Amino acid sequence: MSLEPLLNEIENLKAEYEKFQRGNKSAGTRARKCLQNVKKAAQDIRVEIQEAKTGM
């Protein structure tokens, strides 16, 4: 289990969101994509933790 994919995606999100805040509208689309990737990475980690708990 590794948190690296999640942390990397959060860093990408931070950069894109800052660009969006400065008025770059296309960065908003990229920020939303990053958020979707964060959600997926978090779900993958949740599944790994659950499998470890149940001994699978």
PDB file of N, CA and C in Angstrom:
ATOM      1  N   MET A   1       0.857  -1.177   0.000  1.00  0.00           N
ATOM      2  CA  MET A   1       0.000   0.000   0.000  1.00  0.00           C
ATOM      3  C   MET A   1       0.895   1.229   0.000  1.00  0.00           C
ATOM      4  N   SER A   2       0.540   2.169  -0.850  1.00  0.00           N
ATOM      5  CA  SER A   2       1.330   3.382  -0.967  1.00  0.00           C
ATOM      6  C   SER A   2       0.407   4.597  -1.085  1.00  0.00           C
ATOM      7  N   LEU A   3       0.789   5.636  -0.394  1.00  0.00           N
ATOM      8  CA  LEU A   3       0.033   6.881  -0.465  1.00  0.00           C
ATOM      9  C   LEU A   3       0.544   7.794  -1.565  1.00  0.00           C
ATOM     10  N   GLU A   4       1.639   7.412  -2.221  1.00  0.00           N
ATOM     11  CA  GLU A   4       2.261   8.277  -3.219  1.00  0.00           C
ATOM     12  C   GLU A   4       1.302   8.726  -4.326  1.00  0.00           C
ATOM     13  N   PRO A   5       0.522   7.822  -4.938  1.00  0.00           N
ATOM     14  CA  PRO A   5      -0.391   8.293  -5.996  1.00  0.00           C
ATOM     15  C   PRO A   5      -1.373   9.354  -5.489  1.00  0.00           C
ATOM     16  N   LEU A   6      -1.882   9.155  -4.291  1.00  0.00           N
ATOM     17  CA  LEU A   6      -2.822  10.111  -3.716  1.00  0.00           C
ATOM     18  C   LEU A   6      -2.139  11.452  -3.448  1.00  0.00           C
ATOM     19  N   LEU A   7      -0.956  11.411  -2.864  1.00  0.00           N
ATOM     20  CA  LEU A   7      -0.237  12.649  -2.556  1.00  0.00           C
ATOM     21  C   LEU A   7       0.165  13.394  -3.827  1.00  0.00           C
ATOM     22  N   ASN A   8       0.588  12.659  -4.840  1.00  0.00           N
ATOM     23  CA  ASN A   8       0.947  13.290  -6.111  1.00  0.00           C
ATOM     24  C   ASN A   8      -0.257  13.986  -6.737  1.00  0.00           C
ATOM     25  N   GLU A   9      -1.385  13.325  -6.690  1.00  0.00           N
ATOM     26  CA  GLU A   9      -2.592  13.909  -7.284  1.00  0.00           C
ATOM     27  C   GLU A   9      -3.035  15.150  -6.511  1.00  0.00           C
ATOM     28  N   ILE A  10      -2.860  15.146  -5.202  1.00  0.00           N
ATOM     29  CA  ILE A  10      -3.206  16.315  -4.395  1.00  0.00           C
ATOM     30  C   ILE A  10      -2.289  17.486  -4.748  1.00  0.00           C
ATOM     31  N   GLU A  11      -1.013  17.208  -4.977  1.00  0.00           N
ATOM     32  CA  GLU A  11      -0.090  18.270  -5.394  1.00  0.00           C
ATOM     33  C   GLU A  11      -0.514  18.849  -6.753  1.00  0.00           C
ATOM     34  N   ASN A  12      -0.898  17.973  -7.689  1.00  0.00           N
ATOM     35  CA  ASN A  12      -1.383  18.432  -8.990  1.00  0.00           C
ATOM     36  C   ASN A  12      -2.633  19.290  -8.826  1.00  0.00           C
ATOM     37  N   LEU A  13      -3.524  18.845  -7.967  1.00  0.00           N
ATOM     38  CA  LEU A  13      -4.753  19.591  -7.702  1.00  0.00           C
ATOM     39  C   LEU A  13      -4.430  20.984  -7.160  1.00  0.00           C
ATOM     40  N   LYS A  14      -3.506  21.055  -6.231  1.00  0.00           N
ATOM     41  CA  LYS A  14      -3.134  22.347  -5.646  1.00  0.00           C
ATOM     42  C   LYS A  14      -2.642  23.304  -6.725  1.00  0.00           C
ATOM     43  N   ALA A  15      -1.779  22.824  -7.599  1.00  0.00           N
ATOM     44  CA  ALA A  15      -1.235  23.673  -8.655  1.00  0.00           C
ATOM     45  C   ALA A  15      -2.333  24.146  -9.605  1.00  0.00           C
ATOM     46  N   GLU A  16      -3.191  23.236 -10.033  1.00  0.00           N
ATOM     47  CA  GLU A  16      -4.255  23.599 -10.971  1.00  0.00           C
ATOM     48  C   GLU A  16      -5.273  24.526 -10.324  1.00  0.00           C
ATOM     49  N   TYR A  17      -5.582  24.295  -9.056  1.00  0.00           N
ATOM     50  CA  TYR A  17      -6.556  25.147  -8.382  1.00  0.00           C
ATOM     51  C   TYR A  17      -6.026  26.564  -8.232  1.00  0.00           C
ATOM     52  N   GLU A  18      -4.732  26.686  -7.930  1.00  0.00           N
ATOM     53  CA  GLU A  18      -4.140  28.023  -7.834  1.00  0.00           C
ATOM     54  C   GLU A  18      -4.207  28.750  -9.174  1.00  0.00           C
ATOM     55  N   LYS A  19      -3.969  28.032 -10.261  1.00  0.00           N
ATOM     56  CA  LYS A  19      -4.088  28.637 -11.592  1.00  0.00           C
ATOM     57  C   LYS A  19      -5.527  29.084 -11.842  1.00  0.00           C
ATOM     58  N   PHE A  20      -6.474  28.247 -11.437  1.00  0.00           N
ATOM     59  CA  PHE A  20      -7.885  28.575 -11.609  1.00  0.00           C
ATOM     60  C   PHE A  20      -8.247  29.832 -10.815  1.00  0.00           C
ATOM     61  N   GLN A  21      -7.731  29.940  -9.603  1.00  0.00           N
ATOM     62  CA  GLN A  21      -8.010  31.101  -8.764  1.00  0.00           C
ATOM     63  C   GLN A  21      -7.488  32.387  -9.397  1.00  0.00           C
ATOM     64  N   ARG A  22      -6.434  32.274 -10.203  1.00  0.00           N
ATOM     65  CA  ARG A  22      -5.872  33.450 -10.872  1.00  0.00           C
ATOM     66  C   ARG A  22      -6.598  33.761 -12.178  1.00  0.00           C
ATOM     67  N   GLY A  23      -7.623  32.976 -12.519  1.00  0.00           N
ATOM     68  CA  GLY A  23      -8.442  33.299 -13.679  1.00  0.00           C
ATOM     69  C   GLY A  23      -8.302  32.370 -14.868  1.00  0.00           C
ATOM     70  N   ASN A  24      -7.491  31.342 -14.774  1.00  0.00           N
ATOM     71  CA  ASN A  24      -7.323  30.387 -15.864  1.00  0.00           C
ATOM     72  C   ASN A  24      -8.465  29.369 -15.808  1.00  0.00           C
ATOM     73  N   LYS A  25      -9.464  29.580 -16.652  1.00  0.00           N
ATOM     74  CA  LYS A  25     -10.661  28.742 -16.601  1.00  0.00           C
ATOM     75  C   LYS A  25     -10.392  27.288 -16.991  1.00  0.00           C
ATOM     76  N   SER A  26      -9.470  27.048 -17.908  1.00  0.00           N
ATOM     77  CA  SER A  26      -9.190  25.665 -18.298  1.00  0.00           C
ATOM     78  C   SER A  26      -8.509  24.899 -17.155  1.00  0.00           C
ATOM     79  N   ALA A  27      -7.863  25.612 -16.249  1.00  0.00           N
ATOM     80  CA  ALA A  27      -7.271  24.948 -15.083  1.00  0.00           C
ATOM     81  C   ALA A  27      -8.369  24.402 -14.176  1.00  0.00           C
ATOM     82  N   GLY A  28      -9.545  24.993 -14.209  1.00  0.00           N
ATOM     83  CA  GLY A  28     -10.676  24.478 -13.435  1.00  0.00           C
ATOM     84  C   GLY A  28     -11.069  23.089 -13.885  1.00  0.00           C
ATOM     85  N   THR A  29     -11.049  22.863 -15.191  1.00  0.00           N
ATOM     86  CA  THR A  29     -11.349  21.532 -15.729  1.00  0.00           C
ATOM     87  C   THR A  29     -10.295  20.534 -15.269  1.00  0.00           C
ATOM     88  N   ARG A  30      -9.041  20.944 -15.337  1.00  0.00           N
ATOM     89  CA  ARG A  30      -7.962  20.050 -14.896  1.00  0.00           C
ATOM     90  C   ARG A  30      -8.049  19.792 -13.395  1.00  0.00           C
ATOM     91  N   ALA A  31      -8.451  20.790 -12.620  1.00  0.00           N
ATOM     92  CA  ALA A  31      -8.600  20.624 -11.173  1.00  0.00           C
ATOM     93  C   ALA A  31      -9.710  19.617 -10.864  1.00  0.00           C
ATOM     94  N   ARG A  32     -10.804  19.695 -11.612  1.00  0.00           N
ATOM     95  CA  ARG A  32     -11.890  18.731 -11.400  1.00  0.00           C
ATOM     96  C   ARG A  32     -11.436  17.321 -11.737  1.00  0.00           C
ATOM     97  N   LYS A  33     -10.641  17.179 -12.791  1.00  0.00           N
ATOM     98  CA  LYS A  33     -10.107  15.865 -13.142  1.00  0.00           C
ATOM     99  C   LYS A  33      -9.201  15.345 -12.021  1.00  0.00           C
ATOM    100  N   CYS A  34      -8.383  16.234 -11.464  1.00  0.00           N
ATOM    101  CA  CYS A  34      -7.530  15.842 -10.339  1.00  0.00           C
ATOM    102  C   CYS A  34      -8.372  15.368  -9.156  1.00  0.00           C
ATOM    103  N   LEU A  35      -9.458  16.072  -8.887  1.00  0.00           N
ATOM    104  CA  LEU A  35     -10.337  15.669  -7.791  1.00  0.00           C
ATOM    105  C   LEU A  35     -10.928  14.282  -8.029  1.00  0.00           C
ATOM    106  N   GLN A  36     -11.274  13.989  -9.271  1.00  0.00           N
ATOM    107  CA  GLN A  36     -11.789  12.661  -9.590  1.00  0.00           C
ATOM    108  C   GLN A  36     -10.710  11.610  -9.364  1.00  0.00           C
ATOM    109  N   ASN A  37      -9.464  11.939  -9.726  1.00  0.00           N
ATOM    110  CA  ASN A  37      -8.362  11.008  -9.513  1.00  0.00           C
ATOM    111  C   ASN A  37      -8.060  10.826  -8.028  1.00  0.00           C
ATOM    112  N   VAL A  38      -8.216  11.893  -7.240  1.00  0.00           N
ATOM    113  CA  VAL A  38      -8.044  11.787  -5.790  1.00  0.00           C
ATOM    114  C   VAL A  38      -9.091  10.819  -5.228  1.00  0.00           C
ATOM    115  N   LYS A  39     -10.306  10.968  -5.693  1.00  0.00           N
ATOM    116  CA  LYS A  39     -11.387  10.090  -5.238  1.00  0.00           C
ATOM    117  C   LYS A  39     -11.068   8.632  -5.549  1.00  0.00           C
ATOM    118  N   LYS A  40     -10.582   8.369  -6.757  1.00  0.00           N
ATOM    119  CA  LYS A  40     -10.252   7.002  -7.150  1.00  0.00           C
ATOM    120  C   LYS A  40      -9.092   6.457  -6.324  1.00  0.00           C
ATOM    121  N   ALA A  41      -8.060   7.268  -6.126  1.00  0.00           N
ATOM    122  CA  ALA A  41      -6.903   6.819  -5.338  1.00  0.00           C
ATOM    123  C   ALA A  41      -7.319   6.532  -3.893  1.00  0.00           C
ATOM    124  N   ALA A  42      -8.172   7.383  -3.338  1.00  0.00           N
ATOM    125  CA  ALA A  42      -8.644   7.168  -1.969  1.00  0.00           C
ATOM    126  C   ALA A  42      -9.457   5.886  -1.880  1.00  0.00           C
ATOM    127  N   GLN A  43     -10.283   5.627  -2.869  1.00  0.00           N
ATOM    128  CA  GLN A  43     -11.080   4.400  -2.872  1.00  0.00           C
ATOM    129  C   GLN A  43     -10.185   3.172  -2.968  1.00  0.00           C
ATOM    130  N   ASP A  44      -9.143   3.245  -3.786  1.00  0.00           N
ATOM    131  CA  ASP A  44      -8.209   2.123  -3.901  1.00  0.00           C
ATOM    132  C   ASP A  44      -7.549   1.835  -2.555  1.00  0.00           C
ATOM    133  N   ILE A  45      -7.174   2.887  -1.840  1.00  0.00           N
ATOM    134  CA  ILE A  45      -6.559   2.709  -0.522  1.00  0.00           C
ATOM    135  C   ILE A  45      -7.562   2.112   0.459  1.00  0.00           C
ATOM    136  N   ARG A  46      -8.803   2.579   0.395  1.00  0.00           N
ATOM    137  CA  ARG A  46      -9.848   2.029   1.271  1.00  0.00           C
ATOM    138  C   ARG A  46     -10.022   0.537   1.049  1.00  0.00           C
ATOM    139  N   VAL A  47     -10.011   0.115  -0.208  1.00  0.00           N
ATOM    140  CA  VAL A  47     -10.168  -1.305  -0.534  1.00  0.00           C
ATOM    141  C   VAL A  47      -8.983  -2.107   0.011  1.00  0.00           C
ATOM    142  N   GLU A  48      -7.773  -1.580  -0.167  1.00  0.00           N
ATOM    143  CA  GLU A  48      -6.588  -2.269   0.345  1.00  0.00           C
ATOM    144  C   GLU A  48      -6.650  -2.426   1.858  1.00  0.00           C
ATOM    145  N   ILE A  49      -7.070  -1.381   2.548  1.00  0.00           N
ATOM    146  CA  ILE A  49      -7.175  -1.444   4.013  1.00  0.00           C
ATOM    147  C   ILE A  49      -8.220  -2.468   4.415  1.00  0.00           C
ATOM    148  N   GLN A  50      -9.358  -2.465   3.768  1.00  0.00           N
ATOM    149  CA  GLN A  50     -10.425  -3.403   4.108  1.00  0.00           C
ATOM    150  C   GLN A  50      -9.973  -4.839   3.875  1.00  0.00           C
ATOM    151  N   GLU A  51      -9.276  -5.079   2.762  1.00  0.00           N
ATOM    152  CA  GLU A  51      -8.781  -6.429   2.478  1.00  0.00           C
ATOM    153  C   GLU A  51      -7.777  -6.867   3.531  1.00  0.00           C
ATOM    154  N   ALA A  52      -6.927  -5.952   3.982  1.00  0.00           N
ATOM    155  CA  ALA A  52      -5.949  -6.289   5.012  1.00  0.00           C
ATOM    156  C   ALA A  52      -6.648  -6.603   6.337  1.00  0.00           C
ATOM    157  N   LYS A  53      -7.719  -5.877   6.624  1.00  0.00           N
ATOM    158  CA  LYS A  53      -8.463  -6.121   7.866  1.00  0.00           C
ATOM    159  C   LYS A  53      -9.135  -7.479   7.860  1.00  0.00           C
ATOM    160  N   THR A  54      -9.677  -7.857   6.720  1.00  0.00           N
ATOM    161  CA  THR A  54     -10.425  -9.121   6.664  1.00  0.00           C
ATOM    162  C   THR A  54      -9.522 -10.307   6.343  1.00  0.00           C
ATOM    163  N   GLY A  55      -8.255 -10.048   6.082  1.00  0.00           N
ATOM    164  CA  GLY A  55      -7.300 -11.126   5.859  1.00  0.00           C
ATOM    165  C   GLY A  55      -7.357 -11.740   4.482  1.00  0.00           C
ATOM    166  N   MET A  56      -7.831 -11.005   3.498  1.00  0.00           N
ATOM    167  CA  MET A  56      -7.924 -11.550   2.144  1.00  0.00           C
ATOM    168  C   MET A  56      -6.615 -11.508   1.449  1.00  0.00           C
TER     169      MET A  56
END
